Amino acid sequence: APPAAQGMTLAFSDDFDKTPSISHTGAGATYCSRKPDGSSYGDANFADYESSENPFSHIDTYLVITTTYKGPGRYNTGFIASEREDGTGFHTTGGHNQYLECRLKCDPNPGGWPAFWTLSSGNYAAGGHSRLPCDEMDILEAYVGWPDLYHICMHQWNYGKTHTDTQTPVLRYNTGD
């Protein structure tokens, strides 16, 4: 664990060393492949894991989510969530004082919006159109339209009025590949 996580308990880990279990609603699986309200972002629609346009594959220790061009201004890509549509998921087991980390590689696909978000419980309530208070912290939103920035955002949904957006320059590393 990194120094900032000292004293915290690991609640969940997935190194994607095998193909993860994903289903449309998350039922019977680790991940849900549908956004709570069924919407998409940017020019990309979220294709379902169980559909003929499944964007998910597995290589070595990577979950690969492919973006496919479907015509002018139209793309298909994927989405996974730890919270199932019934409100259960590994997020409910850890309590407070958790830390999250993610390793990801984002190719510059048009219409893409690579992101790593957190939401508090209750976001899927009422069929994905929850009116319950919900906190969202966007650890990474990397809009392809702004390739030299990434965004860190915090939102209070259905209570309060806090919405912050910090734009941060991308650090580029020469990895030799």
Foldseek 3Di string as FASTA:
>chain_A
DDPVLPPFDDLDDAQQQDPFFEFCQQVPGQKHWAQLQRADDFLEHADGCPDPPRQWDGDRRDTGWDWADDDVSHIYTIDIDQAGLVQDGSVVGRPPSDDDDDDDDDDLDPRDWDWDKDKDTDCNPPRNPGLDWMKMWTPWTQHSVCNQWTWTWIDTHNDDGDIDIDIDGDDDDCPPD
